[in-house]
Amino acid sequence: MGSRMHLWSYIQGRGELLAFLTYQHASLAFQTVVTGTVVALLIAVAVYRLPLFSALTMTASRVALTIPSLALLALLIIPFGLGVAPSFIMLAFFAALPVIGNAIVGLRSVPASVIESARGLGLSRRRILVTVELPIAWPVILTGIRVSTQLIVGVGAIVAYVLGPGLGSLIFNGLSRLGGANALEMAVTGTILIVAIALLFDALLVLLGRLTISKGLS
């Protein structure tokens, strides 16, 4: 009971700061997921008709997920310094990886008969991609975006190591001062807010799916 009171007291006394850090974290996650998704879709569209390149791209994206985020951040500090730039690049890189594989799988799973029917109607290759293949592949792509979003909201805390924005600063400052005043409250508050952001984003993506996925595909 006492620890809950200390936590609540800590939150009440720092509402504006916590709201600002939460906004920073959510904004950075949103922007990097959007950027990563766009890049992933461009890569998937470029290779999905080529079996060898599709397989190599999917393998490369899975292997790239094993790169330690801190190691990548450290490498990015050399050309970009500290702050937002290395944070954004690292998060956008990891955001793209789950989407690439799902986009390729989704596009390659479109039935050939559907594509042939579209060609029979006189649709161009680009029109078929936009009006037939991408809508059919969208449920699989959206699943990749949901995975990517959860990954980035969590990994986003790490950018505090390079003075990046967001809630990671609360967590790591708290952990570095364990035993001191409000140290535990800082770490717990940052963790709770990150979980809240992840849940909110996932709920919004579920809603997006309900609004954009045809009932025949869900």
C-alpha atoms as a PDB file:
ATOM      1  CA  MET A   1       0.000   0.000   0.000  1.00  0.00           C
ATOM      2  CA  GLY A   2       2.829   2.371   0.932  1.00  0.00           C
ATOM      3  CA  SER A   3       4.666   1.785  -2.368  1.00  0.00           C
ATOM      4  CA  ARG A   4       1.466   2.538  -4.309  1.00  0.00           C
ATOM      5  CA  MET A   5       1.068   5.800  -2.428  1.00  0.00           C
ATOM      6  CA  HIS A   6       4.675   6.776  -3.195  1.00  0.00           C
ATOM      7  CA  LEU A   7       4.141   5.959  -6.879  1.00  0.00           C
ATOM      8  CA  TRP A   8       0.919   7.941  -7.081  1.00  0.00           C
ATOM      9  CA  SER A   9       2.528  10.869  -5.282  1.00  0.00           C
ATOM     10  CA  TYR A  10       5.449  10.792  -7.723  1.00  0.00           C
ATOM     11  CA  ILE A  11       3.101  10.788 -10.735  1.00  0.00           C
ATOM     12  CA  GLN A  12       0.913  13.591  -9.392  1.00  0.00           C
ATOM     13  CA  GLY A  13       3.862  15.855  -8.781  1.00  0.00           C
ATOM     14  CA  ARG A  14       5.280  15.460 -12.293  1.00  0.00           C
ATOM     15  CA  GLY A  15       2.237  15.363 -14.553  1.00  0.00           C
ATOM     16  CA  GLU A  16       3.500  17.815 -17.168  1.00  0.00           C
ATOM     17  CA  LEU A  17       6.912  16.170 -17.460  1.00  0.00           C
ATOM     18  CA  LEU A  18       5.407  12.679 -17.746  1.00  0.00           C
ATOM     19  CA  ALA A  19       2.914  13.863 -20.362  1.00  0.00           C
ATOM     20  CA  PHE A  20       5.733  15.441 -22.383  1.00  0.00           C
ATOM     21  CA  LEU A  21       7.940  12.345 -22.228  1.00  0.00           C
ATOM     22  CA  THR A  22       4.971  10.135 -23.124  1.00  0.00           C
ATOM     23  CA  TYR A  23       4.183  12.325 -26.124  1.00  0.00           C
ATOM     24  CA  GLN A  24       7.833  12.205 -27.232  1.00  0.00           C
ATOM     25  CA  HIS A  25       7.936   8.427 -26.948  1.00  0.00           C
ATOM     26  CA  ALA A  26       4.646   7.891 -28.782  1.00  0.00           C
ATOM     27  CA  SER A  27       5.532  10.414 -31.486  1.00  0.00           C
ATOM     28  CA  LEU A  28       8.944   8.864 -32.130  1.00  0.00           C
ATOM     29  CA  ALA A  29       7.441   5.370 -32.266  1.00  0.00           C
ATOM     30  CA  PHE A  30       4.663   6.486 -34.637  1.00  0.00           C
ATOM     31  CA  GLN A  31       6.998   8.305 -37.015  1.00  0.00           C
ATOM     32  CA  THR A  32       9.551   5.509 -37.172  1.00  0.00           C
ATOM     33  CA  VAL A  33       6.912   2.811 -37.705  1.00  0.00           C
ATOM     34  CA  VAL A  34       5.372   4.823 -40.553  1.00  0.00           C
ATOM     35  CA  THR A  35       8.792   5.389 -42.119  1.00  0.00           C
ATOM     36  CA  GLY A  36       9.801   1.768 -41.661  1.00  0.00           C
ATOM     37  CA  THR A  37       6.517   0.540 -43.118  1.00  0.00           C
ATOM     38  CA  VAL A  38       6.865   2.696 -46.236  1.00  0.00           C
ATOM     39  CA  VAL A  39      10.432   1.491 -46.797  1.00  0.00           C
ATOM     40  CA  ALA A  40       9.397  -2.128 -46.180  1.00  0.00           C
ATOM     41  CA  LEU A  41       6.537  -1.924 -48.678  1.00  0.00           C
ATOM     42  CA  LEU A  42       8.793  -0.412 -51.332  1.00  0.00           C
ATOM     43  CA  ILE A  43      11.314  -3.226 -50.840  1.00  0.00           C
ATOM     44  CA  ALA A  44       8.595  -5.901 -50.868  1.00  0.00           C
ATOM     45  CA  VAL A  45       7.021  -4.531 -54.047  1.00  0.00           C
ATOM     46  CA  ALA A  46      10.436  -4.501 -55.715  1.00  0.00           C
ATOM     47  CA  VAL A  47      11.237  -8.167 -54.975  1.00  0.00           C
ATOM     48  CA  TYR A  48       8.034 -10.159 -54.415  1.00  0.00           C
ATOM     49  CA  ARG A  49       7.749 -11.294 -58.048  1.00  0.00           C
ATOM     50  CA  LEU A  50      11.330 -12.621 -57.956  1.00  0.00           C
ATOM     51  CA  PRO A  51      11.494 -15.857 -55.913  1.00  0.00           C
ATOM     52  CA  LEU A  52      15.256 -15.788 -55.313  1.00  0.00           C
ATOM     53  CA  PHE A  53      15.353 -12.120 -54.271  1.00  0.00           C
ATOM     54  CA  SER A  54      12.225 -12.601 -52.155  1.00  0.00           C
ATOM     55  CA  ALA A  55      13.835 -15.448 -50.251  1.00  0.00           C
ATOM     56  CA  LEU A  56      17.103 -13.547 -49.783  1.00  0.00           C
ATOM     57  CA  THR A  57      15.269 -10.418 -48.605  1.00  0.00           C
ATOM     58  CA  MET A  58      13.172 -12.330 -46.089  1.00  0.00           C
ATOM     59  CA  THR A  59      16.238 -14.134 -44.754  1.00  0.00           C
ATOM     60  CA  ALA A  60      18.173 -10.884 -44.494  1.00  0.00           C
ATOM     61  CA  SER A  61      15.326  -9.192 -42.603  1.00  0.00           C
ATOM     62  CA  ARG A  62      15.175 -12.049 -40.087  1.00  0.00           C
ATOM     63  CA  VAL A  63      18.930 -12.022 -39.576  1.00  0.00           C
ATOM     64  CA  ALA A  64      18.933  -8.239 -39.175  1.00  0.00           C
ATOM     65  CA  LEU A  65      16.501  -8.556 -36.265  1.00  0.00           C
ATOM     66  CA  THR A  66      19.282 -10.275 -34.312  1.00  0.00           C
ATOM     67  CA  ILE A  67      21.519  -7.180 -34.483  1.00  0.00           C
ATOM     68  CA  PRO A  68      21.823  -5.761 -30.947  1.00  0.00           C
ATOM     69  CA  SER A  69      20.051  -2.406 -30.892  1.00  0.00           C
ATOM     70  CA  LEU A  70      22.668  -0.876 -28.592  1.00  0.00           C
ATOM     71  CA  ALA A  71      25.449  -1.925 -30.953  1.00  0.00           C
ATOM     72  CA  LEU A  72      23.659  -0.331 -33.891  1.00  0.00           C
ATOM     73  CA  LEU A  73      23.090   2.839 -31.874  1.00  0.00           C
ATOM     74  CA  ALA A  74      26.781   2.974 -31.004  1.00  0.00           C
ATOM     75  CA  LEU A  75      27.724   2.715 -34.687  1.00  0.00           C
ATOM     76  CA  LEU A  76      25.248   5.444 -35.636  1.00  0.00           C
ATOM     77  CA  ILE A  77      26.729   7.835 -33.082  1.00  0.00           C
ATOM     78  CA  ILE A  78      29.919   8.050 -35.179  1.00  0.00           C
ATOM     79  CA  PRO A  79      28.325   9.762 -38.232  1.00  0.00           C
ATOM     80  CA  PHE A  80      25.240  11.303 -36.598  1.00  0.00           C
ATOM     81  CA  GLY A  81      26.256  12.130 -33.020  1.00  0.00           C
ATOM     82  CA  LEU A  82      23.867  11.953 -30.078  1.00  0.00           C
ATOM     83  CA  GLY A  83      20.166  12.753 -29.984  1.00  0.00           C
ATOM     84  CA  VAL A  84      17.256  12.282 -32.353  1.00  0.00           C
ATOM     85  CA  ALA A  85      19.045  11.336 -35.598  1.00  0.00           C
ATOM     86  CA  PRO A  86      20.637   8.022 -34.508  1.00  0.00           C
ATOM     87  CA  SER A  87      17.517   7.206 -32.474  1.00  0.00           C
ATOM     88  CA  PHE A  88      15.226   7.697 -35.469  1.00  0.00           C
ATOM     89  CA  ILE A  89      17.414   5.758 -37.910  1.00  0.00           C
ATOM     90  CA  MET A  90      17.850   2.802 -35.556  1.00  0.00           C
ATOM     91  CA  LEU A  91      14.134   2.559 -34.758  1.00  0.00           C
ATOM     92  CA  ALA A  92      13.043   2.982 -38.388  1.00  0.00           C
ATOM     93  CA  PHE A  93      15.479   0.236 -39.385  1.00  0.00           C
ATOM     94  CA  PHE A  94      14.036  -2.218 -36.873  1.00  0.00           C
ATOM     95  CA  ALA A  95      10.471  -1.093 -37.649  1.00  0.00           C
ATOM     96  CA  ALA A  96      10.863  -2.114 -41.283  1.00  0.00           C
ATOM     97  CA  LEU A  97      12.054  -5.652 -40.619  1.00  0.00           C
ATOM     98  CA  PRO A  98       8.827  -7.393 -39.462  1.00  0.00           C
ATOM     99  CA  VAL A  99       6.838  -5.640 -42.203  1.00  0.00           C
ATOM    100  CA  ILE A 100       9.140  -6.693 -45.042  1.00  0.00           C
ATOM    101  CA  GLY A 101       8.603 -10.414 -44.499  1.00  0.00           C
ATOM    102  CA  ASN A 102       4.854 -10.105 -44.010  1.00  0.00           C
ATOM    103  CA  ALA A 103       4.477  -7.882 -47.073  1.00  0.00           C
ATOM    104  CA  ILE A 104       6.357 -10.328 -49.290  1.00  0.00           C
ATOM    105  CA  VAL A 105       4.373 -13.292 -47.955  1.00  0.00           C
ATOM    106  CA  GLY A 106       1.095 -11.411 -48.368  1.00  0.00           C
ATOM    107  CA  LEU A 107       1.801 -10.294 -51.922  1.00  0.00           C
ATOM    108  CA  ARG A 108       3.047 -13.723 -53.003  1.00  0.00           C
ATOM    109  CA  SER A 109      -0.050 -15.393 -51.528  1.00  0.00           C
ATOM    110  CA  VAL A 110      -2.452 -13.577 -53.853  1.00  0.00           C
ATOM    111  CA  PRO A 111      -4.056 -16.308 -56.025  1.00  0.00           C
ATOM    112  CA  ALA A 112      -2.741 -16.371 -59.580  1.00  0.00           C
ATOM    113  CA  SER A 113      -6.300 -16.791 -60.864  1.00  0.00           C
ATOM    114  CA  VAL A 114      -7.265 -13.433 -59.335  1.00  0.00           C
ATOM    115  CA  ILE A 115      -4.312 -11.721 -61.005  1.00  0.00           C
ATOM    116  CA  GLU A 116      -5.145 -13.333 -64.368  1.00  0.00           C
ATOM    117  CA  SER A 117      -8.752 -12.179 -64.070  1.00  0.00           C
ATOM    118  CA  ALA A 118      -7.553  -8.628 -63.433  1.00  0.00           C
ATOM    119  CA  ARG A 119      -5.293  -8.816 -66.489  1.00  0.00           C
ATOM    120  CA  GLY A 120      -8.230 -10.085 -68.496  1.00  0.00           C
ATOM    121  CA  LEU A 121     -10.108  -6.923 -67.575  1.00  0.00           C
ATOM    122  CA  GLY A 122      -7.282  -4.894 -69.094  1.00  0.00           C
ATOM    123  CA  LEU A 123      -5.749  -3.613 -65.853  1.00  0.00           C
ATOM    124  CA  SER A 124      -2.115  -2.561 -65.974  1.00  0.00           C
ATOM    125  CA  ARG A 125       0.518  -4.180 -63.758  1.00  0.00           C
ATOM    126  CA  ARG A 126       0.614  -1.145 -61.457  1.00  0.00           C
ATOM    127  CA  ARG A 127      -3.184  -0.996 -61.254  1.00  0.00           C
ATOM    128  CA  ILE A 128      -3.336  -4.686 -60.348  1.00  0.00           C
ATOM    129  CA  LEU A 129      -0.798  -4.099 -57.577  1.00  0.00           C
ATOM    130  CA  VAL A 130      -2.698  -1.157 -56.107  1.00  0.00           C
ATOM    131  CA  THR A 131      -6.288  -2.358 -56.510  1.00  0.00           C
ATOM    132  CA  VAL A 132      -5.946  -6.146 -56.246  1.00  0.00           C
ATOM    133  CA  GLU A 133      -2.721  -7.441 -54.715  1.00  0.00           C
ATOM    134  CA  LEU A 134      -2.133  -4.904 -51.935  1.00  0.00           C
ATOM    135  CA  PRO A 135      -5.751  -5.020 -50.664  1.00  0.00           C
ATOM    136  CA  ILE A 136      -5.665  -8.826 -50.549  1.00  0.00           C
ATOM    137  CA  ALA A 137      -2.260  -8.817 -48.844  1.00  0.00           C
ATOM    138  CA  TRP A 138      -3.250  -6.041 -46.416  1.00  0.00           C
ATOM    139  CA  PRO A 139      -4.349  -8.291 -43.490  1.00  0.00           C
ATOM    140  CA  VAL A 140      -0.933  -9.997 -43.480  1.00  0.00           C
ATOM    141  CA  ILE A 141       0.868  -6.671 -43.883  1.00  0.00           C
ATOM    142  CA  LEU A 142      -1.122  -5.165 -41.013  1.00  0.00           C
ATOM    143  CA  THR A 143      -0.111  -8.053 -38.776  1.00  0.00           C
ATOM    144  CA  GLY A 144       3.513  -7.201 -39.514  1.00  0.00           C
ATOM    145  CA  ILE A 145       2.848  -3.547 -38.681  1.00  0.00           C
ATOM    146  CA  ARG A 146       1.325  -4.554 -35.332  1.00  0.00           C
ATOM    147  CA  VAL A 147       4.405  -6.630 -34.500  1.00  0.00           C
ATOM    148  CA  SER A 148       6.647  -3.793 -35.614  1.00  0.00           C
ATOM    149  CA  THR A 149       4.787  -1.262 -33.459  1.00  0.00           C
ATOM    150  CA  GLN A 150       5.042  -3.346 -30.300  1.00  0.00           C
ATOM    151  CA  LEU A 151       8.742  -3.909 -30.975  1.00  0.00           C
ATOM    152  CA  ILE A 152       9.482  -0.225 -31.522  1.00  0.00           C
ATOM    153  CA  VAL A 153       7.516   1.054 -28.536  1.00  0.00           C
ATOM    154  CA  GLY A 154       9.591  -1.257 -26.329  1.00  0.00           C
ATOM    155  CA  VAL A 155      12.966  -0.797 -28.013  1.00  0.00           C
ATOM    156  CA  GLY A 156      12.339   2.952 -28.065  1.00  0.00           C
ATOM    157  CA  ALA A 157      13.331   3.107 -24.413  1.00  0.00           C
ATOM    158  CA  ILE A 158      16.912   2.229 -25.362  1.00  0.00           C
ATOM    159  CA  VAL A 159      17.485   5.484 -27.243  1.00  0.00           C
ATOM    160  CA  ALA A 160      17.923   7.192 -23.865  1.00  0.00           C
ATOM    161  CA  TYR A 161      21.496   5.862 -24.026  1.00  0.00           C
ATOM    162  CA  VAL A 162      22.226   8.317 -26.848  1.00  0.00           C
ATOM    163  CA  LEU A 163      20.157  11.129 -25.306  1.00  0.00           C
ATOM    164  CA  GLY A 164      17.204  10.293 -27.512  1.00  0.00           C
ATOM    165  CA  PRO A 165      13.684  11.431 -26.608  1.00  0.00           C
ATOM    166  CA  GLY A 166      11.046   9.500 -24.710  1.00  0.00           C
ATOM    167  CA  LEU A 167      10.393   7.532 -21.569  1.00  0.00           C
ATOM    168  CA  GLY A 168      13.646   5.597 -21.604  1.00  0.00           C
ATOM    169  CA  SER A 169      15.307   8.424 -19.702  1.00  0.00           C
ATOM    170  CA  LEU A 170      12.972   7.805 -16.761  1.00  0.00           C
ATOM    171  CA  ILE A 171      13.694   4.088 -16.678  1.00  0.00           C
ATOM    172  CA  PHE A 172      17.462   4.305 -16.971  1.00  0.00           C
ATOM    173  CA  ASN A 173      17.794   7.266 -14.625  1.00  0.00           C
ATOM    174  CA  GLY A 174      15.738   5.356 -12.073  1.00  0.00           C
ATOM    175  CA  LEU A 175      17.774   2.174 -12.474  1.00  0.00           C
ATOM    176  CA  SER A 176      21.048   4.064 -12.184  1.00  0.00           C
ATOM    177  CA  ARG A 177      19.890   5.607  -8.904  1.00  0.00           C
ATOM    178  CA  LEU A 178      18.319   2.545  -7.267  1.00  0.00           C
ATOM    179  CA  GLY A 179      18.232   3.065  -3.534  1.00  0.00           C
ATOM    180  CA  GLY A 180      17.898   6.819  -3.946  1.00  0.00           C
ATOM    181  CA  ALA A 181      14.802   8.963  -3.603  1.00  0.00           C
ATOM    182  CA  ASN A 182      12.104   8.214  -6.222  1.00  0.00           C
ATOM    183  CA  ALA A 183      14.450   5.916  -8.174  1.00  0.00           C
ATOM    184  CA  LEU A 184      12.061   2.962  -8.183  1.00  0.00           C
ATOM    185  CA  GLU A 185       9.075   5.211  -8.908  1.00  0.00           C
ATOM    186  CA  MET A 186      10.857   6.656 -11.950  1.00  0.00           C
ATOM    187  CA  ALA A 187      11.601   3.233 -13.441  1.00  0.00           C
ATOM    188  CA  VAL A 188       8.136   1.835 -12.720  1.00  0.00           C
ATOM    189  CA  THR A 189       6.346   4.906 -14.070  1.00  0.00           C
ATOM    190  CA  GLY A 190       8.334   4.840 -17.301  1.00  0.00           C
ATOM    191  CA  THR A 191       7.614   1.137 -17.768  1.00  0.00           C
ATOM    192  CA  ILE A 192       3.886   1.534 -17.109  1.00  0.00           C
ATOM    193  CA  LEU A 193       3.594   4.406 -19.575  1.00  0.00           C
ATOM    194  CA  ILE A 194       5.438   2.449 -22.282  1.00  0.00           C
ATOM    195  CA  VAL A 195       3.056  -0.481 -21.808  1.00  0.00           C
ATOM    196  CA  ALA A 196       0.115   1.943 -22.007  1.00  0.00           C
ATOM    197  CA  ILE A 197       1.410   3.361 -25.298  1.00  0.00           C
ATOM    198  CA  ALA A 198       1.866  -0.152 -26.717  1.00  0.00           C
ATOM    199  CA  LEU A 199      -1.685  -1.140 -25.761  1.00  0.00           C
ATOM    200  CA  LEU A 200      -3.139   2.073 -27.205  1.00  0.00           C
ATOM    201  CA  PHE A 201      -1.309   1.705 -30.509  1.00  0.00           C
ATOM    202  CA  ASP A 202      -2.334  -1.937 -30.829  1.00  0.00           C
ATOM    203  CA  ALA A 203      -5.970  -1.050 -30.168  1.00  0.00           C
ATOM    204  CA  LEU A 204      -5.805   1.632 -32.861  1.00  0.00           C
ATOM    205  CA  LEU A 205      -4.279  -0.828 -35.345  1.00  0.00           C
ATOM    206  CA  VAL A 206      -7.004  -3.370 -34.571  1.00  0.00           C
ATOM    207  CA  LEU A 207      -9.563  -0.639 -35.273  1.00  0.00           C
ATOM    208  CA  LEU A 208      -7.754   0.260 -38.488  1.00  0.00           C
ATOM    209  CA  GLY A 209      -7.962  -3.378 -39.540  1.00  0.00           C
ATOM    210  CA  ARG A 210     -11.699  -3.496 -38.929  1.00  0.00           C
ATOM    211  CA  LEU A 211     -12.174  -0.364 -41.003  1.00  0.00           C
ATOM    212  CA  THR A 212      -9.911  -1.318 -43.910  1.00  0.00           C
ATOM    213  CA  ILE A 213     -10.040  -5.100 -44.267  1.00  0.00           C
ATOM    214  CA  SER A 214     -12.841  -6.505 -46.378  1.00  0.00           C
ATOM    215  CA  LYS A 215     -15.079  -8.940 -44.499  1.00  0.00           C
ATOM    216  CA  GLY A 216     -14.293 -11.555 -47.115  1.00  0.00           C
ATOM    217  CA  LEU A 217     -10.592 -11.390 -46.234  1.00  0.00           C
ATOM    218  CA  SER A 218     -10.838 -11.262 -42.426  1.00  0.00           C
END
